Amino acid sequence: MILEVAVLNVKLELNDTFISTFKQASAIISTMDGYIRHELQHCVENDNQYILLVWWETLEDHVVGFRTSPQYEEWKSLLHHYYDPFPTVEHYENVDLT
């Protein structure tokens, strides 16, 4: 399982509409192959900052399956204009501590 992590800095003037638009976009990502679940967390210290966490079965499910899909184009048109700067997306895997 892979965890996608993106820090989202939303433009101040667009912060009021971000959540409702993100809810629309959530319906898109949740239909993708390899998608497990996602969360959007709001930063306590910075009102226009969020963190997006998405769990995928494999890295390829995200970077190939989702990012090269028509659904990604819809996701992009809904959300990408909200961000400044554009988010860096990183992927993590669980560390076995046993």
PDB file of N, CA and C in Angstrom:
ATOM      1  N   MET A   1       0.847  -1.171   0.000  1.00  0.00           N
ATOM      2  CA  MET A   1       0.000   0.000   0.000  1.00  0.00           C
ATOM      3  C   MET A   1       0.895   1.237   0.000  1.00  0.00           C
ATOM      4  N   ILE A   2       0.467   2.257  -0.729  1.00  0.00           N
ATOM      5  CA  ILE A   2       1.203   3.514  -0.869  1.00  0.00           C
ATOM      6  C   ILE A   2       0.344   4.652  -0.347  1.00  0.00           C
ATOM      7  N   LEU A   3       0.975   5.551   0.391  1.00  0.00           N
ATOM      8  CA  LEU A   3       0.306   6.754   0.874  1.00  0.00           C
ATOM      9  C   LEU A   3       0.810   7.947   0.083  1.00  0.00           C
ATOM     10  N   GLU A   4      -0.093   8.602  -0.605  1.00  0.00           N
ATOM     11  CA  GLU A   4       0.204   9.854  -1.313  1.00  0.00           C
ATOM     12  C   GLU A   4      -0.032  10.993  -0.339  1.00  0.00           C
ATOM     13  N   VAL A   5       0.925  11.930  -0.263  1.00  0.00           N
ATOM     14  CA  VAL A   5       0.829  13.067   0.648  1.00  0.00           C
ATOM     15  C   VAL A   5       1.065  14.351  -0.150  1.00  0.00           C
ATOM     16  N   ALA A   6       0.125  15.279  -0.051  1.00  0.00           N
ATOM     17  CA  ALA A   6       0.267  16.571  -0.729  1.00  0.00           C
ATOM     18  C   ALA A   6      -0.159  17.676   0.225  1.00  0.00           C
ATOM     19  N   VAL A   7       0.708  18.662   0.414  1.00  0.00           N
ATOM     20  CA  VAL A   7       0.357  19.854   1.172  1.00  0.00           C
ATOM     21  C   VAL A   7      -0.247  20.844   0.187  1.00  0.00           C
ATOM     22  N   LEU A   8      -1.477  21.254   0.474  1.00  0.00           N
ATOM     23  CA  LEU A   8      -2.226  22.128  -0.424  1.00  0.00           C
ATOM     24  C   LEU A   8      -2.342  23.518   0.182  1.00  0.00           C
ATOM     25  N   ASN A   9      -1.727  24.483  -0.466  1.00  0.00           N
ATOM     26  CA  ASN A   9      -1.851  25.883  -0.059  1.00  0.00           C
ATOM     27  C   ASN A   9      -2.852  26.539  -0.993  1.00  0.00           C
ATOM     28  N   VAL A  10      -4.017  26.839  -0.463  1.00  0.00           N
ATOM     29  CA  VAL A  10      -5.115  27.382  -1.246  1.00  0.00           C
ATOM     30  C   VAL A  10      -5.014  28.906  -1.256  1.00  0.00           C
ATOM     31  N   LYS A  11      -5.221  29.481  -2.435  1.00  0.00           N
ATOM     32  CA  LYS A  11      -5.207  30.943  -2.553  1.00  0.00           C
ATOM     33  C   LYS A  11      -6.256  31.523  -1.607  1.00  0.00           C
ATOM     34  N   LEU A  12      -5.873  32.550  -0.870  1.00  0.00           N
ATOM     35  CA  LEU A  12      -6.764  33.122   0.150  1.00  0.00           C
ATOM     36  C   LEU A  12      -8.126  33.506  -0.411  1.00  0.00           C
ATOM     37  N   GLU A  13      -8.147  34.078  -1.585  1.00  0.00           N
ATOM     38  CA  GLU A  13      -9.408  34.543  -2.150  1.00  0.00           C
ATOM     39  C   GLU A  13     -10.312  33.402  -2.618  1.00  0.00           C
ATOM     40  N   LEU A  14      -9.777  32.187  -2.679  1.00  0.00           N
ATOM     41  CA  LEU A  14     -10.561  31.031  -3.111  1.00  0.00           C
ATOM     42  C   LEU A  14     -10.869  30.060  -1.975  1.00  0.00           C
ATOM     43  N   ASN A  15     -10.393  30.359  -0.788  1.00  0.00           N
ATOM     44  CA  ASN A  15     -10.522  29.433   0.343  1.00  0.00           C
ATOM     45  C   ASN A  15     -11.987  29.098   0.658  1.00  0.00           C
ATOM     46  N   ASP A  16     -12.891  30.051   0.464  1.00  0.00           N
ATOM     47  CA  ASP A  16     -14.303  29.839   0.813  1.00  0.00           C
ATOM     48  C   ASP A  16     -14.986  28.778  -0.040  1.00  0.00           C
ATOM     49  N   THR A  17     -14.536  28.580  -1.265  1.00  0.00           N
ATOM     50  CA  THR A  17     -15.187  27.615  -2.148  1.00  0.00           C
ATOM     51  C   THR A  17     -14.406  26.305  -2.283  1.00  0.00           C
ATOM     52  N   PHE A  18     -13.233  26.235  -1.690  1.00  0.00           N
ATOM     53  CA  PHE A  18     -12.379  25.068  -1.868  1.00  0.00           C
ATOM     54  C   PHE A  18     -13.034  23.767  -1.393  1.00  0.00           C
ATOM     55  N   ILE A  19     -13.602  23.758  -0.210  1.00  0.00           N
ATOM     56  CA  ILE A  19     -14.150  22.515   0.353  1.00  0.00           C
ATOM     57  C   ILE A  19     -15.283  21.963  -0.519  1.00  0.00           C
ATOM     58  N   SER A  20     -16.183  22.803  -0.953  1.00  0.00           N
ATOM     59  CA  SER A  20     -17.291  22.305  -1.772  1.00  0.00           C
ATOM     60  C   SER A  20     -16.786  21.747  -3.109  1.00  0.00           C
ATOM     61  N   THR A  21     -15.788  22.394  -3.686  1.00  0.00           N
ATOM     62  CA  THR A  21     -15.215  21.889  -4.928  1.00  0.00           C
ATOM     63  C   THR A  21     -14.454  20.592  -4.682  1.00  0.00           C
ATOM     64  N   PHE A  22     -13.750  20.529  -3.563  1.00  0.00           N
ATOM     65  CA  PHE A  22     -13.016  19.308  -3.244  1.00  0.00           C
ATOM     66  C   PHE A  22     -13.968  18.127  -3.064  1.00  0.00           C
ATOM     67  N   LYS A  23     -15.131  18.368  -2.500  1.00  0.00           N
ATOM     68  CA  LYS A  23     -16.124  17.295  -2.358  1.00  0.00           C
ATOM     69  C   LYS A  23     -16.522  16.744  -3.723  1.00  0.00           C
ATOM     70  N   GLN A  24     -16.674  17.612  -4.709  1.00  0.00           N
ATOM     71  CA  GLN A  24     -16.976  17.167  -6.073  1.00  0.00           C
ATOM     72  C   GLN A  24     -15.839  16.302  -6.613  1.00  0.00           C
ATOM     73  N   ALA A  25     -14.616  16.762  -6.411  1.00  0.00           N
ATOM     74  CA  ALA A  25     -13.444  16.044  -6.911  1.00  0.00           C
ATOM     75  C   ALA A  25     -13.270  14.706  -6.201  1.00  0.00           C
ATOM     76  N   SER A  26     -13.685  14.622  -4.959  1.00  0.00           N
ATOM     77  CA  SER A  26     -13.577  13.369  -4.207  1.00  0.00           C
ATOM     78  C   SER A  26     -14.356  12.244  -4.879  1.00  0.00           C
ATOM     79  N   ALA A  27     -15.468  12.586  -5.479  1.00  0.00           N
ATOM     80  CA  ALA A  27     -16.265  11.584  -6.183  1.00  0.00           C
ATOM     81  C   ALA A  27     -15.522  11.027  -7.392  1.00  0.00           C
ATOM     82  N   ILE A  28     -14.620  11.798  -7.941  1.00  0.00           N
ATOM     83  CA  ILE A  28     -13.842  11.353  -9.095  1.00  0.00           C
ATOM     84  C   ILE A  28     -12.758  10.370  -8.659  1.00  0.00           C
ATOM     85  N   ILE A  29     -11.942  10.775  -7.711  1.00  0.00           N
ATOM     86  CA  ILE A  29     -10.801   9.950  -7.314  1.00  0.00           C
ATOM     87  C   ILE A  29     -11.244   8.628  -6.699  1.00  0.00           C
ATOM     88  N   SER A  30     -12.371   8.638  -6.025  1.00  0.00           N
ATOM     89  CA  SER A  30     -12.815   7.434  -5.318  1.00  0.00           C
ATOM     90  C   SER A  30     -13.261   6.320  -6.256  1.00  0.00           C
ATOM     91  N   THR A  31     -13.384   6.608  -7.543  1.00  0.00           N
ATOM     92  CA  THR A  31     -13.780   5.584  -8.505  1.00  0.00           C
ATOM     93  C   THR A  31     -12.596   4.924  -9.201  1.00  0.00           C
ATOM     94  N   MET A  32     -11.386   5.373  -8.913  1.00  0.00           N
ATOM     95  CA  MET A  32     -10.214   4.909  -9.655  1.00  0.00           C
ATOM     96  C   MET A  32      -9.738   3.534  -9.187  1.00  0.00           C
ATOM     97  N   ASP A  33      -9.219   2.764 -10.134  1.00  0.00           N
ATOM     98  CA  ASP A  33      -8.624   1.470  -9.802  1.00  0.00           C
ATOM     99  C   ASP A  33      -7.463   1.683  -8.843  1.00  0.00           C
ATOM    100  N   GLY A  34      -7.396   0.865  -7.816  1.00  0.00           N
ATOM    101  CA  GLY A  34      -6.316   0.942  -6.852  1.00  0.00           C
ATOM    102  C   GLY A  34      -6.531   1.928  -5.726  1.00  0.00           C
ATOM    103  N   TYR A  35      -7.559   2.747  -5.830  1.00  0.00           N
ATOM    104  CA  TYR A  35      -7.889   3.700  -4.773  1.00  0.00           C
ATOM    105  C   TYR A  35      -8.403   2.932  -3.558  1.00  0.00           C
ATOM    106  N   ILE A  36      -7.905   3.324  -2.383  1.00  0.00           N
ATOM    107  CA  ILE A  36      -8.379   2.715  -1.142  1.00  0.00           C
ATOM    108  C   ILE A  36      -9.229   3.701  -0.359  1.00  0.00           C
ATOM    109  N   ARG A  37      -8.665   4.857  -0.044  1.00  0.00           N
ATOM    110  CA  ARG A  37      -9.414   5.896   0.669  1.00  0.00           C
ATOM    111  C   ARG A  37      -8.599   7.177   0.639  1.00  0.00           C
ATOM    112  N   HIS A  38      -9.240   8.269   1.074  1.00  0.00           N
ATOM    113  CA  HIS A  38      -8.509   9.528   1.189  1.00  0.00           C
ATOM    114  C   HIS A  38      -9.065  10.363   2.330  1.00  0.00           C
ATOM    115  N   GLU A  39      -8.252  11.301   2.760  1.00  0.00           N
ATOM    116  CA  GLU A  39      -8.631  12.264   3.800  1.00  0.00           C
ATOM    117  C   GLU A  39      -8.105  13.634   3.396  1.00  0.00           C
ATOM    118  N   LEU A  40      -8.845  14.645   3.766  1.00  0.00           N
ATOM    119  CA  LEU A  40      -8.387  16.025   3.644  1.00  0.00           C
ATOM    120  C   LEU A  40      -8.370  16.599   5.047  1.00  0.00           C
ATOM    121  N   GLN A  41      -7.206  17.063   5.475  1.00  0.00           N
ATOM    122  CA  GLN A  41      -7.047  17.635   6.809  1.00  0.00           C
ATOM    123  C   GLN A  41      -6.794  19.137   6.680  1.00  0.00           C
ATOM    124  N   HIS A  42      -7.397  19.911   7.568  1.00  0.00           N
ATOM    125  CA  HIS A  42      -7.244  21.369   7.594  1.00  0.00           C
ATOM    126  C   HIS A  42      -6.187  21.751   8.619  1.00  0.00           C
ATOM    127  N   CYS A  43      -5.292  22.637   8.250  1.00  0.00           N
ATOM    128  CA  CYS A  43      -4.234  23.084   9.152  1.00  0.00           C
ATOM    129  C   CYS A  43      -4.810  24.033  10.211  1.00  0.00           C
ATOM    130  N   VAL A  44      -4.459  23.791  11.445  1.00  0.00           N
ATOM    131  CA  VAL A  44      -4.940  24.619  12.552  1.00  0.00           C
ATOM    132  C   VAL A  44      -4.261  25.987  12.538  1.00  0.00           C
ATOM    133  N   GLU A  45      -2.972  26.013  12.216  1.00  0.00           N
ATOM    134  CA  GLU A  45      -2.219  27.271  12.271  1.00  0.00           C
ATOM    135  C   GLU A  45      -2.395  28.157  11.040  1.00  0.00           C
ATOM    136  N   ASN A  46      -2.620  27.554   9.875  1.00  0.00           N
ATOM    137  CA  ASN A  46      -2.738  28.310   8.624  1.00  0.00           C
ATOM    138  C   ASN A  46      -4.077  27.991   7.974  1.00  0.00           C
ATOM    139  N   ASP A  47      -4.974  28.948   7.989  1.00  0.00           N
ATOM    140  CA  ASP A  47      -6.352  28.713   7.553  1.00  0.00           C
ATOM    141  C   ASP A  47      -6.473  28.275   6.105  1.00  0.00           C
ATOM    142  N   ASN A  48      -5.542  28.643   5.253  1.00  0.00           N
ATOM    143  CA  ASN A  48      -5.648  28.289   3.840  1.00  0.00           C
ATOM    144  C   ASN A  48      -4.766  27.088   3.473  1.00  0.00           C
ATOM    145  N   GLN A  49      -4.316  26.325   4.466  1.00  0.00           N
ATOM    146  CA  GLN A  49      -3.476  25.161   4.191  1.00  0.00           C
ATOM    147  C   GLN A  49      -4.181  23.868   4.586  1.00  0.00           C
ATOM    148  N   TYR A  50      -4.029  22.870   3.719  1.00  0.00           N
ATOM    149  CA  TYR A  50      -4.627  21.557   3.916  1.00  0.00           C
ATOM    150  C   TYR A  50      -3.582  20.502   3.602  1.00  0.00           C
ATOM    151  N   ILE A  51      -3.822  19.299   4.071  1.00  0.00           N
ATOM    152  CA  ILE A  51      -3.004  18.170   3.652  1.00  0.00           C
ATOM    153  C   ILE A  51      -3.942  17.105   3.106  1.00  0.00           C
ATOM    154  N   LEU A  52      -3.582  16.612   1.936  1.00  0.00           N
ATOM    155  CA  LEU A  52      -4.349  15.547   1.294  1.00  0.00           C
ATOM    156  C   LEU A  52      -3.588  14.243   1.467  1.00  0.00           C
ATOM    157  N   LEU A  53      -4.269  13.242   1.978  1.00  0.00           N
ATOM    158  CA  LEU A  53      -3.712  11.903   2.148  1.00  0.00           C
ATOM    159  C   LEU A  53      -4.560  10.944   1.324  1.00  0.00           C
ATOM    160  N   VAL A  54      -3.915  10.214   0.427  1.00  0.00           N
ATOM    161  CA  VAL A  54      -4.634   9.245  -0.395  1.00  0.00           C
ATOM    162  C   VAL A  54      -3.896   7.916  -0.322  1.00  0.00           C
ATOM    163  N   TRP A  55      -4.630   6.876   0.033  1.00  0.00           N
ATOM    164  CA  TRP A  55      -4.064   5.533   0.084  1.00  0.00           C
ATOM    165  C   TRP A  55      -4.380   4.818  -1.222  1.00  0.00           C
ATOM    166  N   TRP A  56      -3.329   4.280  -1.849  1.00  0.00           N
ATOM    167  CA  TRP A  56      -3.429   3.545  -3.103  1.00  0.00           C
ATOM    168  C   TRP A  56      -2.880   2.135  -2.903  1.00  0.00           C
ATOM    169  N   GLU A  57      -3.364   1.204  -3.690  1.00  0.00           N
ATOM    170  CA  GLU A  57      -2.825  -0.151  -3.623  1.00  0.00           C
ATOM    171  C   GLU A  57      -1.373  -0.188  -4.083  1.00  0.00           C
ATOM    172  N   THR A  58      -1.058   0.533  -5.185  1.00  0.00           N
ATOM    173  CA  THR A  58       0.313   0.578  -5.703  1.00  0.00           C
ATOM    174  C   THR A  58       0.644   1.999  -6.143  1.00  0.00           C
ATOM    175  N   LEU A  59       1.912   2.278  -6.280  1.00  0.00           N
ATOM    176  CA  LEU A  59       2.358   3.575  -6.795  1.00  0.00           C
ATOM    177  C   LEU A  59       1.837   3.789  -8.211  1.00  0.00           C
ATOM    178  N   GLU A  60       1.858   2.751  -9.014  1.00  0.00           N
ATOM    179  CA  GLU A  60       1.395   2.840 -10.399  1.00  0.00           C
ATOM    180  C   GLU A  60      -0.082   3.193 -10.493  1.00  0.00           C
ATOM    181  N   ASP A  61      -0.871   2.758  -9.508  1.00  0.00           N
ATOM    182  CA  ASP A  61      -2.293   3.122  -9.512  1.00  0.00           C
ATOM    183  C   ASP A  61      -2.464   4.635  -9.487  1.00  0.00           C
ATOM    184  N   HIS A  62      -1.567   5.320  -8.805  1.00  0.00           N
ATOM    185  CA  HIS A  62      -1.655   6.773  -8.747  1.00  0.00           C
ATOM    186  C   HIS A  62      -0.976   7.433  -9.936  1.00  0.00           C
ATOM    187  N   VAL A  63       0.320   7.168 -10.111  1.00  0.00           N
ATOM    188  CA  VAL A  63       1.101   7.941 -11.086  1.00  0.00           C
ATOM    189  C   VAL A  63       0.821   7.566 -12.539  1.00  0.00           C
ATOM    190  N   VAL A  64       0.357   6.346 -12.778  1.00  0.00           N
ATOM    191  CA  VAL A  64       0.011   5.937 -14.141  1.00  0.00           C
ATOM    192  C   VAL A  64      -1.507   5.873 -14.298  1.00  0.00           C
ATOM    193  N   GLY A  65      -2.145   5.055 -13.462  1.00  0.00           N
ATOM    194  CA  GLY A  65      -3.582   4.853 -13.601  1.00  0.00           C
ATOM    195  C   GLY A  65      -4.405   6.121 -13.467  1.00  0.00           C
ATOM    196  N   PHE A  66      -4.166   6.884 -12.415  1.00  0.00           N
ATOM    197  CA  PHE A  66      -4.948   8.100 -12.197  1.00  0.00           C
ATOM    198  C   PHE A  66      -4.428   9.267 -13.021  1.00  0.00           C
ATOM    199  N   ARG A  67      -3.148   9.536 -12.934  1.00  0.00           N
ATOM    200  CA  ARG A  67      -2.612  10.741 -13.576  1.00  0.00           C
ATOM    201  C   ARG A  67      -2.654  10.727 -15.095  1.00  0.00           C
ATOM    202  N   THR A  68      -2.828   9.596 -15.711  1.00  0.00           N
ATOM    203  CA  THR A  68      -2.924   9.560 -17.175  1.00  0.00           C
ATOM    204  C   THR A  68      -4.361   9.321 -17.641  1.00  0.00           C
ATOM    205  N   SER A  69      -5.303   9.430 -16.732  1.00  0.00           N
ATOM    206  CA  SER A  69      -6.702   9.129 -17.052  1.00  0.00           C
ATOM    207  C   SER A  69      -7.506  10.381 -17.404  1.00  0.00           C
ATOM    208  N   PRO A  70      -8.616  10.212 -18.100  1.00  0.00           N
ATOM    209  CA  PRO A  70      -9.535  11.331 -18.333  1.00  0.00           C
ATOM    210  C   PRO A  70     -10.095  11.887 -17.017  1.00  0.00           C
ATOM    211  N   GLN A  71     -10.241  11.023 -16.017  1.00  0.00           N
ATOM    212  CA  GLN A  71     -10.736  11.477 -14.719  1.00  0.00           C
ATOM    213  C   GLN A  71      -9.772  12.472 -14.080  1.00  0.00           C
ATOM    214  N   TYR A  72      -8.469  12.281 -14.299  1.00  0.00           N
ATOM    215  CA  TYR A  72      -7.492  13.220 -13.759  1.00  0.00           C
ATOM    216  C   TYR A  72      -7.659  14.601 -14.397  1.00  0.00           C
ATOM    217  N   GLU A  73      -7.972  14.634 -15.664  1.00  0.00           N
ATOM    218  CA  GLU A  73      -8.189  15.928 -16.336  1.00  0.00           C
ATOM    219  C   GLU A  73      -9.355  16.672 -15.697  1.00  0.00           C
ATOM    220  N   GLU A  74     -10.397  15.944 -15.320  1.00  0.00           N
ATOM    221  CA  GLU A  74     -11.535  16.558 -14.638  1.00  0.00           C
ATOM    222  C   GLU A  74     -11.139  17.041 -13.246  1.00  0.00           C
ATOM    223  N   TRP A  75     -10.404  16.202 -12.497  1.00  0.00           N
ATOM    224  CA  TRP A  75      -9.858  16.550 -11.177  1.00  0.00           C
ATOM    225  C   TRP A  75      -9.046  17.839 -11.284  1.00  0.00           C
ATOM    226  N   LYS A  76      -8.157  17.859 -12.268  1.00  0.00           N
ATOM    227  CA  LYS A  76      -7.274  18.995 -12.483  1.00  0.00           C
ATOM    228  C   LYS A  76      -8.066  20.275 -12.770  1.00  0.00           C
ATOM    229  N   SER A  77      -9.073  20.176 -13.622  1.00  0.00           N
ATOM    230  CA  SER A  77      -9.849  21.380 -13.959  1.00  0.00           C
ATOM    231  C   SER A  77     -10.639  21.896 -12.764  1.00  0.00           C
ATOM    232  N   LEU A  78     -11.041  21.003 -11.869  1.00  0.00           N
ATOM    233  CA  LEU A  78     -11.761  21.426 -10.665  1.00  0.00           C
ATOM    234  C   LEU A  78     -10.840  22.073  -9.630  1.00  0.00           C
ATOM    235  N   LEU A  79      -9.629  21.536  -9.458  1.00  0.00           N
ATOM    236  CA  LEU A  79      -8.829  21.892  -8.279  1.00  0.00           C
ATOM    237  C   LEU A  79      -7.542  22.673  -8.524  1.00  0.00           C
ATOM    238  N   HIS A  80      -6.873  22.479  -9.632  1.00  0.00           N
ATOM    239  CA  HIS A  80      -5.519  23.019  -9.750  1.00  0.00           C
ATOM    240  C   HIS A  80      -5.432  24.538  -9.689  1.00  0.00           C
ATOM    241  N   HIS A  81      -6.470  25.234 -10.060  1.00  0.00           N
ATOM    242  CA  HIS A  81      -6.422  26.700 -10.003  1.00  0.00           C
ATOM    243  C   HIS A  81      -6.493  27.240  -8.564  1.00  0.00           C
ATOM    244  N   TYR A  82      -6.788  26.379  -7.594  1.00  0.00           N
ATOM    245  CA  TYR A  82      -6.865  26.793  -6.188  1.00  0.00           C
ATOM    246  C   TYR A  82      -5.492  26.974  -5.544  1.00  0.00           C
ATOM    247  N   TYR A  83      -4.450  26.348  -6.088  1.00  0.00           N
ATOM    248  CA  TYR A  83      -3.185  26.220  -5.366  1.00  0.00           C
ATOM    249  C   TYR A  83      -2.141  27.255  -5.754  1.00  0.00           C
ATOM    250  N   ASP A  84      -1.462  27.758  -4.724  1.00  0.00           N
ATOM    251  CA  ASP A  84      -0.306  28.633  -4.917  1.00  0.00           C
ATOM    252  C   ASP A  84       0.573  28.547  -3.674  1.00  0.00           C
ATOM    253  N   PRO A  85       1.732  27.947  -3.808  1.00  0.00           N
ATOM    254  CA  PRO A  85       2.305  27.325  -4.999  1.00  0.00           C
ATOM    255  C   PRO A  85       1.654  25.984  -5.278  1.00  0.00           C
ATOM    256  N   PHE A  86       1.955  25.450  -6.463  1.00  0.00           N
ATOM    257  CA  PHE A  86       1.418  24.148  -6.809  1.00  0.00           C
ATOM    258  C   PHE A  86       2.010  23.108  -5.859  1.00  0.00           C
ATOM    259  N   PRO A  87       1.199  22.186  -5.356  1.00  0.00           N
ATOM    260  CA  PRO A  87       1.681  21.248  -4.334  1.00  0.00           C
ATOM    261  C   PRO A  87       2.719  20.250  -4.850  1.00  0.00           C
ATOM    262  N   THR A  88       3.619  19.926  -3.961  1.00  0.00           N
ATOM    263  CA  THR A  88       4.534  18.815  -4.187  1.00  0.00           C
ATOM    264  C   THR A  88       3.844  17.567  -3.652  1.00  0.00           C
ATOM    265  N   VAL A  89       3.849  16.516  -4.443  1.00  0.00           N
ATOM    266  CA  VAL A  89       3.224  15.263  -4.045  1.00  0.00           C
ATOM    267  C   VAL A  89       4.327  14.238  -3.803  1.00  0.00           C
ATOM    268  N   GLU A  90       4.261  13.599  -2.646  1.00  0.00           N
ATOM    269  CA  GLU A  90       5.235  12.565  -2.315  1.00  0.00           C
ATOM    270  C   GLU A  90       4.491  11.291  -1.953  1.00  0.00           C
ATOM    271  N   HIS A  91       5.186  10.182  -2.078  1.00  0.00           N
ATOM    272  CA  HIS A  91       4.593   8.871  -1.813  1.00  0.00           C
ATOM    273  C   HIS A  91       5.383   8.167  -0.720  1.00  0.00           C
ATOM    274  N   TYR A  92       4.662   7.500   0.162  1.00  0.00           N
ATOM    275  CA  TYR A  92       5.268   6.822   1.308  1.00  0.00           C
ATOM    276  C   TYR A  92       4.764   5.387   1.379  1.00  0.00           C
ATOM    277  N   GLU A  93       5.617   4.538   1.924  1.00  0.00           N
ATOM    278  CA  GLU A  93       5.201   3.173   2.198  1.00  0.00           C
ATOM    279  C   GLU A  93       5.477   2.872   3.665  1.00  0.00           C
ATOM    280  N   ASN A  94       4.729   1.948   4.192  1.00  0.00           N
ATOM    281  CA  ASN A  94       4.813   1.599   5.610  1.00  0.00           C
ATOM    282  C   ASN A  94       6.185   0.997   5.923  1.00  0.00           C
ATOM    283  N   VAL A  95       6.694   1.317   7.086  1.00  0.00           N
ATOM    284  CA  VAL A  95       7.940   0.729   7.578  1.00  0.00           C
ATOM    285  C   VAL A  95       7.561  -0.370   8.572  1.00  0.00           C
ATOM    286  N   ASP A  96       8.030  -1.571   8.318  1.00  0.00           N
ATOM    287  CA  ASP A  96       7.770  -2.693   9.210  1.00  0.00           C
ATOM    288  C   ASP A  96       8.662  -2.572  10.435  1.00  0.00           C
ATOM    289  N   LEU A  97       8.103  -2.353  11.589  1.00  0.00           N
ATOM    290  CA  LEU A  97       8.863  -2.165  12.819  1.00  0.00           C
ATOM    291  C   LEU A  97       8.880  -3.403  13.702  1.00  0.00           C
ATOM    292  N   THR A  98       8.444  -4.528  13.149  1.00  0.00           N
ATOM    293  CA  THR A  98       8.458  -5.758  13.959  1.00  0.00           C
ATOM    294  C   THR A  98       9.795  -6.456  13.887  1.00  0.00           C
TER     295      THR A  98
END
